[in-house]
Amino acid sequence: FLVASVDYRYWLALYRPIYLGIMIFLVTLT
């Protein structure tokens, strides 16, 4: 419900930092 209450376009606008963040996590995990 919390995620559904947020305009999905906010998430799409942040796709670059989100992608970079998860890649850093996955590299660090190694």
PDB file of all heavy atoms in Angstrom:
ATOM      1  N   PHE A   1       0.824  -1.209   0.000  1.00  0.00           N
ATOM      2  CA  PHE A   1       0.000   0.000   0.000  1.00  0.00           C
ATOM      3  C   PHE A   1       0.859   1.261   0.000  1.00  0.00           C
ATOM      4  O   PHE A   1       0.507   2.259  -0.638  1.00  0.00           O
ATOM      5  CB  PHE A   1      -0.940  -0.012   1.201  1.00  0.00           C
ATOM      6  CG  PHE A   1      -2.085  -0.972   1.054  1.00  0.00           C
ATOM      7  CD1 PHE A   1      -2.063  -2.211   1.665  1.00  0.00           C
ATOM      8  CD2 PHE A   1      -3.183  -0.631   0.281  1.00  0.00           C
ATOM      9  CE1 PHE A   1      -3.112  -3.089   1.517  1.00  0.00           C
ATOM     10  CE2 PHE A   1      -4.250  -1.514   0.125  1.00  0.00           C
ATOM     11  CZ  PHE A   1      -4.209  -2.748   0.742  1.00  0.00           C
ATOM     12  N   LEU A   2       1.986   1.215   0.718  1.00  0.00           N
ATOM     13  CA  LEU A   2       2.852   2.387   0.755  1.00  0.00           C
ATOM     14  C   LEU A   2       3.444   2.675  -0.624  1.00  0.00           C
ATOM     15  O   LEU A   2       3.452   3.825  -1.093  1.00  0.00           O
ATOM     16  CB  LEU A   2       3.975   2.190   1.773  1.00  0.00           C
ATOM     17  CG  LEU A   2       3.569   2.247   3.250  1.00  0.00           C
ATOM     18  CD1 LEU A   2       4.773   1.969   4.140  1.00  0.00           C
ATOM     19  CD2 LEU A   2       2.963   3.607   3.588  1.00  0.00           C
ATOM     20  N   VAL A   3       3.937   1.641  -1.280  1.00  0.00           N
ATOM     21  CA  VAL A   3       4.539   1.820  -2.602  1.00  0.00           C
ATOM     22  C   VAL A   3       3.474   2.215  -3.622  1.00  0.00           C
ATOM     23  O   VAL A   3       3.705   3.051  -4.499  1.00  0.00           O
ATOM     24  CB  VAL A   3       5.266   0.531  -3.031  1.00  0.00           C
ATOM     25  CG1 VAL A   3       5.754   0.648  -4.473  1.00  0.00           C
ATOM     26  CG2 VAL A   3       6.439   0.250  -2.113  1.00  0.00           C
ATOM     27  N   ALA A   4       2.273   1.627  -3.501  1.00  0.00           N
ATOM     28  CA  ALA A   4       1.204   1.950  -4.438  1.00  0.00           C
ATOM     29  C   ALA A   4       0.736   3.392  -4.293  1.00  0.00           C
ATOM     30  O   ALA A   4       0.183   3.974  -5.235  1.00  0.00           O
ATOM     31  CB  ALA A   4       0.025   1.005  -4.232  1.00  0.00           C
ATOM     32  N   SER A   5       0.949   3.975  -3.112  1.00  0.00           N
ATOM     33  CA  SER A   5       0.510   5.351  -2.878  1.00  0.00           C
ATOM     34  C   SER A   5       1.500   6.383  -3.428  1.00  0.00           C
ATOM     35  O   SER A   5       1.214   7.573  -3.421  1.00  0.00           O
ATOM     36  CB  SER A   5       0.315   5.592  -1.379  1.00  0.00           C
ATOM     37  OG  SER A   5       1.545   5.472  -0.688  1.00  0.00           O
ATOM     38  N   VAL A   6       2.658   5.915  -3.887  1.00  0.00           N
ATOM     39  CA  VAL A   6       3.679   6.812  -4.457  1.00  0.00           C
ATOM     40  C   VAL A   6       3.613   6.722  -5.974  1.00  0.00           C
ATOM     41  O   VAL A   6       3.547   5.638  -6.546  1.00  0.00           O
ATOM     42  CB  VAL A   6       5.085   6.421  -3.960  1.00  0.00           C
ATOM     43  CG1 VAL A   6       6.138   7.312  -4.609  1.00  0.00           C
ATOM     44  CG2 VAL A   6       5.157   6.510  -2.444  1.00  0.00           C
ATOM     45  N   ASP A   7       3.630   7.854  -6.614  1.00  0.00           N
ATOM     46  CA  ASP A   7       3.612   7.892  -8.069  1.00  0.00           C
ATOM     47  C   ASP A   7       4.804   7.106  -8.613  1.00  0.00           C
ATOM     48  O   ASP A   7       5.955   7.363  -8.262  1.00  0.00           O
ATOM     49  CB  ASP A   7       3.697   9.349  -8.538  1.00  0.00           C
ATOM     50  CG  ASP A   7       3.439   9.487 -10.041  1.00  0.00           C
ATOM     51  OD1 ASP A   7       3.612   8.492 -10.767  1.00  0.00           O
ATOM     52  OD2 ASP A   7       3.076  10.588 -10.469  1.00  0.00           O
ATOM     53  N   TYR A   8       4.532   6.141  -9.472  1.00  0.00           N
ATOM     54  CA  TYR A   8       5.594   5.268  -9.982  1.00  0.00           C
ATOM     55  C   TYR A   8       6.665   6.044 -10.736  1.00  0.00           C
ATOM     56  O   TYR A   8       7.803   5.593 -10.866  1.00  0.00           O
ATOM     57  CB  TYR A   8       4.990   4.198 -10.895  1.00  0.00           C
ATOM     58  CG  TYR A   8       4.489   4.726 -12.218  1.00  0.00           C
ATOM     59  CD1 TYR A   8       5.318   4.768 -13.345  1.00  0.00           C
ATOM     60  CD2 TYR A   8       3.184   5.187 -12.364  1.00  0.00           C
ATOM     61  CE1 TYR A   8       4.866   5.241 -14.553  1.00  0.00           C
ATOM     62  CE2 TYR A   8       2.726   5.674 -13.576  1.00  0.00           C
ATOM     63  CZ  TYR A   8       3.563   5.698 -14.661  1.00  0.00           C
ATOM     64  OH  TYR A   8       3.125   6.173 -15.865  1.00  0.00           O
ATOM     65  N   ARG A   9       6.301   7.235 -11.236  1.00  0.00           N
ATOM     66  CA  ARG A   9       7.274   8.018 -12.001  1.00  0.00           C
ATOM     67  C   ARG A   9       8.424   8.523 -11.128  1.00  0.00           C
ATOM     68  O   ARG A   9       9.500   8.833 -11.627  1.00  0.00           O
ATOM     69  CB  ARG A   9       6.566   9.184 -12.689  1.00  0.00           C
ATOM     70  CG  ARG A   9       5.698   8.727 -13.879  1.00  0.00           C
ATOM     71  CD  ARG A   9       4.848   9.844 -14.419  1.00  0.00           C
ATOM     72  NE  ARG A   9       3.828  10.251 -13.452  1.00  0.00           N
ATOM     73  CZ  ARG A   9       2.848  11.112 -13.739  1.00  0.00           C
ATOM     74  NH1 ARG A   9       2.771  11.642 -14.956  1.00  0.00           N
ATOM     75  NH2 ARG A   9       1.965  11.448 -12.821  1.00  0.00           N
ATOM     76  N   TYR A  10       8.198   8.591  -9.805  1.00  0.00           N
ATOM     77  CA  TYR A  10       9.299   8.952  -8.908  1.00  0.00           C
ATOM     78  C   TYR A  10      10.386   7.878  -8.949  1.00  0.00           C
ATOM     79  O   TYR A  10      11.578   8.174  -8.974  1.00  0.00           O
ATOM     80  CB  TYR A  10       8.787   9.116  -7.474  1.00  0.00           C
ATOM     81  CG  TYR A  10       7.980  10.368  -7.242  1.00  0.00           C
ATOM     82  CD1 TYR A  10       6.819  10.328  -6.486  1.00  0.00           C
ATOM     83  CD2 TYR A  10       8.375  11.588  -7.766  1.00  0.00           C
ATOM     84  CE1 TYR A  10       6.064  11.471  -6.267  1.00  0.00           C
ATOM     85  CE2 TYR A  10       7.632  12.740  -7.557  1.00  0.00           C
ATOM     86  CZ  TYR A  10       6.475  12.680  -6.808  1.00  0.00           C
ATOM     87  OH  TYR A  10       5.736  13.809  -6.592  1.00  0.00           O
ATOM     88  N   TRP A  11       9.953   6.617  -8.935  1.00  0.00           N
ATOM     89  CA  TRP A  11      10.927   5.521  -8.963  1.00  0.00           C
ATOM     90  C   TRP A  11      11.660   5.495 -10.298  1.00  0.00           C
ATOM     91  O   TRP A  11      12.872   5.267 -10.351  1.00  0.00           O
ATOM     92  CB  TRP A  11      10.221   4.192  -8.732  1.00  0.00           C
ATOM     93  CG  TRP A  11       9.467   4.127  -7.445  1.00  0.00           C
ATOM     94  CD1 TRP A  11       8.107   4.093  -7.285  1.00  0.00           C
ATOM     95  CD2 TRP A  11      10.012   4.094  -6.115  1.00  0.00           C
ATOM     96  NE1 TRP A  11       7.772   4.048  -5.952  1.00  0.00           N
ATOM     97  CE2 TRP A  11       8.924   4.045  -5.211  1.00  0.00           C
ATOM     98  CE3 TRP A  11      11.314   4.109  -5.607  1.00  0.00           C
ATOM     99  CZ2 TRP A  11       9.097   4.003  -3.832  1.00  0.00           C
ATOM    100  CZ3 TRP A  11      11.490   4.069  -4.229  1.00  0.00           C
ATOM    101  CH2 TRP A  11      10.390   4.014  -3.369  1.00  0.00           C
ATOM    102  N   LEU A  12      10.914   5.704 -11.382  1.00  0.00           N
ATOM    103  CA  LEU A  12      11.550   5.672 -12.695  1.00  0.00           C
ATOM    104  C   LEU A  12      12.546   6.807 -12.861  1.00  0.00           C
ATOM    105  O   LEU A  12      13.571   6.659 -13.530  1.00  0.00           O
ATOM    106  CB  LEU A  12      10.474   5.761 -13.790  1.00  0.00           C
ATOM    107  CG  LEU A  12       9.483   4.598 -13.863  1.00  0.00           C
ATOM    108  CD1 LEU A  12       8.547   4.766 -15.047  1.00  0.00           C
ATOM    109  CD2 LEU A  12      10.203   3.257 -13.951  1.00  0.00           C
ATOM    110  N   ALA A  13      12.271   7.964 -12.243  1.00  0.00           N
ATOM    111  CA  ALA A  13      13.188   9.104 -12.343  1.00  0.00           C
ATOM    112  C   ALA A  13      14.503   8.847 -11.629  1.00  0.00           C
ATOM    113  O   ALA A  13      15.521   9.461 -11.946  1.00  0.00           O
ATOM    114  CB  ALA A  13      12.523  10.351 -11.774  1.00  0.00           C
ATOM    115  N   LEU A  14      14.491   7.909 -10.684  1.00  0.00           N
ATOM    116  CA  LEU A  14      15.691   7.610  -9.893  1.00  0.00           C
ATOM    117  C   LEU A  14      16.407   6.356 -10.384  1.00  0.00           C
ATOM    118  O   LEU A  14      17.206   5.770  -9.649  1.00  0.00           O
ATOM    119  CB  LEU A  14      15.314   7.434  -8.413  1.00  0.00           C
ATOM    120  CG  LEU A  14      14.726   8.662  -7.714  1.00  0.00           C
ATOM    121  CD1 LEU A  14      14.220   8.287  -6.318  1.00  0.00           C
ATOM    122  CD2 LEU A  14      15.766   9.767  -7.611  1.00  0.00           C
ATOM    123  N   TYR A  15      16.118   5.937 -11.614  1.00  0.00           N
ATOM    124  CA  TYR A  15      16.630   4.640 -12.048  1.00  0.00           C
ATOM    125  C   TYR A  15      18.162   4.599 -12.092  1.00  0.00           C
ATOM    126  O   TYR A  15      18.766   3.554 -11.809  1.00  0.00           O
ATOM    127  CB  TYR A  15      16.033   4.264 -13.409  1.00  0.00           C
ATOM    128  CG  TYR A  15      16.615   4.982 -14.599  1.00  0.00           C
ATOM    129  CD1 TYR A  15      17.596   4.375 -15.383  1.00  0.00           C
ATOM    130  CD2 TYR A  15      16.185   6.255 -14.957  1.00  0.00           C
ATOM    131  CE1 TYR A  15      18.135   5.018 -16.485  1.00  0.00           C
ATOM    132  CE2 TYR A  15      16.719   6.905 -16.061  1.00  0.00           C
ATOM    133  CZ  TYR A  15      17.683   6.290 -16.813  1.00  0.00           C
ATOM    134  OH  TYR A  15      18.223   6.922 -17.905  1.00  0.00           O
ATOM    135  N   ARG A  16      18.820   5.706 -12.416  1.00  0.00           N
ATOM    136  CA  ARG A  16      20.284   5.700 -12.487  1.00  0.00           C
ATOM    137  C   ARG A  16      20.919   5.486 -11.104  1.00  0.00           C
ATOM    138  O   ARG A  16      21.747   4.579 -10.947  1.00  0.00           O
ATOM    139  CB  ARG A  16      20.782   6.991 -13.121  1.00  0.00           C
ATOM    140  CG  ARG A  16      20.619   7.056 -14.632  1.00  0.00           C
ATOM    141  CD  ARG A  16      21.418   8.205 -15.219  1.00  0.00           C
ATOM    142  NE  ARG A  16      21.286   8.262 -16.668  1.00  0.00           N
ATOM    143  CZ  ARG A  16      20.400   8.994 -17.311  1.00  0.00           C
ATOM    144  NH1 ARG A  16      19.555   9.747 -16.629  1.00  0.00           N
ATOM    145  NH2 ARG A  16      20.340   8.996 -18.639  1.00  0.00           N
ATOM    146  N   PRO A  17      20.601   6.313 -10.082  1.00  0.00           N
ATOM    147  CA  PRO A  17      21.205   6.062  -8.764  1.00  0.00           C
ATOM    148  C   PRO A  17      20.798   4.722  -8.162  1.00  0.00           C
ATOM    149  O   PRO A  17      21.589   4.085  -7.460  1.00  0.00           O
ATOM    150  CB  PRO A  17      20.704   7.237  -7.909  1.00  0.00           C
ATOM    151  CG  PRO A  17      19.552   7.806  -8.642  1.00  0.00           C
ATOM    152  CD  PRO A  17      19.804   7.559 -10.085  1.00  0.00           C
ATOM    153  N   ILE A  18      19.577   4.284  -8.435  1.00  0.00           N
ATOM    154  CA  ILE A  18      19.141   2.981  -7.929  1.00  0.00           C
ATOM    155  C   ILE A  18      19.972   1.867  -8.553  1.00  0.00           C
ATOM    156  O   ILE A  18      20.431   0.940  -7.872  1.00  0.00           O
ATOM    157  CB  ILE A  18      17.638   2.769  -8.211  1.00  0.00           C
ATOM    158  CG1 ILE A  18      16.787   3.689  -7.326  1.00  0.00           C
ATOM    159  CG2 ILE A  18      17.241   1.316  -7.958  1.00  0.00           C
ATOM    160  CD1 ILE A  18      15.306   3.612  -7.627  1.00  0.00           C
ATOM    161  N   TYR A  19      20.175   1.952  -9.864  1.00  0.00           N
ATOM    162  CA  TYR A  19      20.964   0.936 -10.571  1.00  0.00           C
ATOM    163  C   TYR A  19      22.411   0.948 -10.087  1.00  0.00           C
ATOM    164  O   TYR A  19      23.001  -0.117  -9.819  1.00  0.00           O
ATOM    165  CB  TYR A  19      20.902   1.199 -12.067  1.00  0.00           C
ATOM    166  CG  TYR A  19      21.594   0.151 -12.915  1.00  0.00           C
ATOM    167  CD1 TYR A  19      20.966  -1.058 -13.196  1.00  0.00           C
ATOM    168  CD2 TYR A  19      22.865   0.373 -13.437  1.00  0.00           C
ATOM    169  CE1 TYR A  19      21.598  -2.020 -13.967  1.00  0.00           C
ATOM    170  CE2 TYR A  19      23.500  -0.571 -14.214  1.00  0.00           C
ATOM    171  CZ  TYR A  19      22.860  -1.767 -14.477  1.00  0.00           C
ATOM    172  OH  TYR A  19      23.486  -2.725 -15.245  1.00  0.00           O
ATOM    173  N   LEU A  20      22.988   2.137  -9.953  1.00  0.00           N
ATOM    174  CA  LEU A  20      24.358   2.255  -9.480  1.00  0.00           C
ATOM    175  C   LEU A  20      24.493   1.720  -8.060  1.00  0.00           C
ATOM    176  O   LEU A  20      25.464   1.012  -7.739  1.00  0.00           O
ATOM    177  CB  LEU A  20      24.800   3.719  -9.531  1.00  0.00           C
ATOM    178  CG  LEU A  20      26.225   4.021  -9.036  1.00  0.00           C
ATOM    179  CD1 LEU A  20      27.247   3.281  -9.881  1.00  0.00           C
ATOM    180  CD2 LEU A  20      26.490   5.520  -9.048  1.00  0.00           C
ATOM    181  N   GLY A  21      23.511   2.025  -7.207  1.00  0.00           N
ATOM    182  CA  GLY A  21      23.562   1.572  -5.821  1.00  0.00           C
ATOM    183  C   GLY A  21      23.550   0.053  -5.704  1.00  0.00           C
ATOM    184  O   GLY A  21      24.338  -0.527  -4.956  1.00  0.00           O
ATOM    185  N   ILE A  22      22.673  -0.612  -6.457  1.00  0.00           N
ATOM    186  CA  ILE A  22      22.589  -2.073  -6.349  1.00  0.00           C
ATOM    187  C   ILE A  22      23.829  -2.728  -6.934  1.00  0.00           C
ATOM    188  O   ILE A  22      24.293  -3.766  -6.436  1.00  0.00           O
ATOM    189  CB  ILE A  22      21.312  -2.610  -7.039  1.00  0.00           C
ATOM    190  CG1 ILE A  22      21.020  -4.040  -6.545  1.00  0.00           C
ATOM    191  CG2 ILE A  22      21.426  -2.596  -8.542  1.00  0.00           C
ATOM    192  CD1 ILE A  22      20.729  -4.158  -5.088  1.00  0.00           C
ATOM    193  N   MET A  23      24.431  -2.114  -7.970  1.00  0.00           N
ATOM    194  CA  MET A  23      25.652  -2.670  -8.536  1.00  0.00           C
ATOM    195  C   MET A  23      26.803  -2.573  -7.527  1.00  0.00           C
ATOM    196  O   MET A  23      27.613  -3.496  -7.405  1.00  0.00           O
ATOM    197  CB  MET A  23      26.012  -1.948  -9.825  1.00  0.00           C
ATOM    198  CG  MET A  23      25.065  -2.235 -10.981  1.00  0.00           C
ATOM    199  SD  MET A  23      25.017  -3.994 -11.438  1.00  0.00           S
ATOM    200  CE  MET A  23      26.640  -4.196 -12.147  1.00  0.00           C
ATOM    201  N   ILE A  24      26.855  -1.467  -6.778  1.00  0.00           N
ATOM    202  CA  ILE A  24      27.887  -1.319  -5.747  1.00  0.00           C
ATOM    203  C   ILE A  24      27.698  -2.381  -4.664  1.00  0.00           C
ATOM    204  O   ILE A  24      28.663  -3.010  -4.199  1.00  0.00           O
ATOM    205  CB  ILE A  24      27.842   0.093  -5.137  1.00  0.00           C
ATOM    206  CG1 ILE A  24      28.301   1.130  -6.166  1.00  0.00           C
ATOM    207  CG2 ILE A  24      28.719   0.170  -3.888  1.00  0.00           C
ATOM    208  CD1 ILE A  24      28.162   2.568  -5.702  1.00  0.00           C
ATOM    209  N   PHE A  25      26.450  -2.605  -4.257  1.00  0.00           N
ATOM    210  CA  PHE A  25      26.165  -3.626  -3.254  1.00  0.00           C
ATOM    211  C   PHE A  25      26.595  -5.004  -3.743  1.00  0.00           C
ATOM    212  O   PHE A  25      27.200  -5.788  -3.001  1.00  0.00           O
ATOM    213  CB  PHE A  25      24.673  -3.641  -2.915  1.00  0.00           C
ATOM    214  CG  PHE A  25      24.310  -2.744  -1.778  1.00  0.00           C
ATOM    215  CD1 PHE A  25      23.522  -1.628  -1.982  1.00  0.00           C
ATOM    216  CD2 PHE A  25      24.746  -3.024  -0.483  1.00  0.00           C
ATOM    217  CE1 PHE A  25      23.186  -0.786  -0.928  1.00  0.00           C
ATOM    218  CE2 PHE A  25      24.411  -2.200   0.572  1.00  0.00           C
ATOM    219  CZ  PHE A  25      23.633  -1.080   0.347  1.00  0.00           C
ATOM    220  N   LEU A  26      26.289  -5.326  -4.992  1.00  0.00           N
ATOM    221  CA  LEU A  26      26.615  -6.650  -5.517  1.00  0.00           C
ATOM    222  C   LEU A  26      28.122  -6.842  -5.665  1.00  0.00           C
ATOM    223  O   LEU A  26      28.638  -7.938  -5.409  1.00  0.00           O
ATOM    224  CB  LEU A  26      25.923  -6.858  -6.872  1.00  0.00           C
ATOM    225  CG  LEU A  26      24.390  -6.946  -6.823  1.00  0.00           C
ATOM    226  CD1 LEU A  26      23.810  -7.005  -8.231  1.00  0.00           C
ATOM    227  CD2 LEU A  26      23.953  -8.165  -6.015  1.00  0.00           C
ATOM    228  N   VAL A  27      28.834  -5.792  -6.071  1.00  0.00           N
ATOM    229  CA  VAL A  27      30.285  -5.884  -6.165  1.00  0.00           C
ATOM    230  C   VAL A  27      30.900  -6.043  -4.785  1.00  0.00           C
ATOM    231  O   VAL A  27      31.797  -6.871  -4.565  1.00  0.00           O
ATOM    232  CB  VAL A  27      30.859  -4.634  -6.870  1.00  0.00           C
ATOM    233  CG1 VAL A  27      32.382  -4.606  -6.750  1.00  0.00           C
ATOM    234  CG2 VAL A  27      30.443  -4.609  -8.333  1.00  0.00           C
ATOM    235  N   THR A  28      30.416  -5.265  -3.815  1.00  0.00           N
ATOM    236  CA  THR A  28      30.932  -5.352  -2.445  1.00  0.00           C
ATOM    237  C   THR A  28      30.647  -6.711  -1.834  1.00  0.00           C
ATOM    238  O   THR A  28      31.451  -7.247  -1.062  1.00  0.00           O
ATOM    239  CB  THR A  28      30.301  -4.250  -1.576  1.00  0.00           C
ATOM    240  OG1 THR A  28      30.483  -2.987  -2.207  1.00  0.00           O
ATOM    241  CG2 THR A  28      30.931  -4.229  -0.194  1.00  0.00           C
ATOM    242  N   LEU A  29      29.512  -7.292  -2.192  1.00  0.00           N
ATOM    243  CA  LEU A  29      29.122  -8.586  -1.640  1.00  0.00           C
ATOM    244  C   LEU A  29      30.143  -9.661  -1.964  1.00  0.00           C
ATOM    245  O   LEU A  29      30.369 -10.582  -1.166  1.00  0.00           O
ATOM    246  CB  LEU A  29      27.750  -8.990  -2.195  1.00  0.00           C
ATOM    247  CG  LEU A  29      27.133 -10.272  -1.649  1.00  0.00           C
ATOM    248  CD1 LEU A  29      26.810 -10.120  -0.167  1.00  0.00           C
ATOM    249  CD2 LEU A  29      25.871 -10.633  -2.434  1.00  0.00           C
ATOM    250  N   THR A  30      30.787  -9.544  -3.117  1.00  0.00           N
ATOM    251  CA  THR A  30      31.764 -10.550  -3.535  1.00  0.00           C
ATOM    252  C   THR A  30      32.923 -10.665  -2.546  1.00  0.00           C
ATOM    253  O   THR A  30      33.442 -11.756  -2.289  1.00  0.00           O
ATOM    254  CB  THR A  30      32.308 -10.207  -4.931  1.00  0.00           C
ATOM    255  OG1 THR A  30      31.216 -10.086  -5.845  1.00  0.00           O
ATOM    256  CG2 THR A  30      33.255 -11.280  -5.418  1.00  0.00           C
TER     257      THR A  30
END
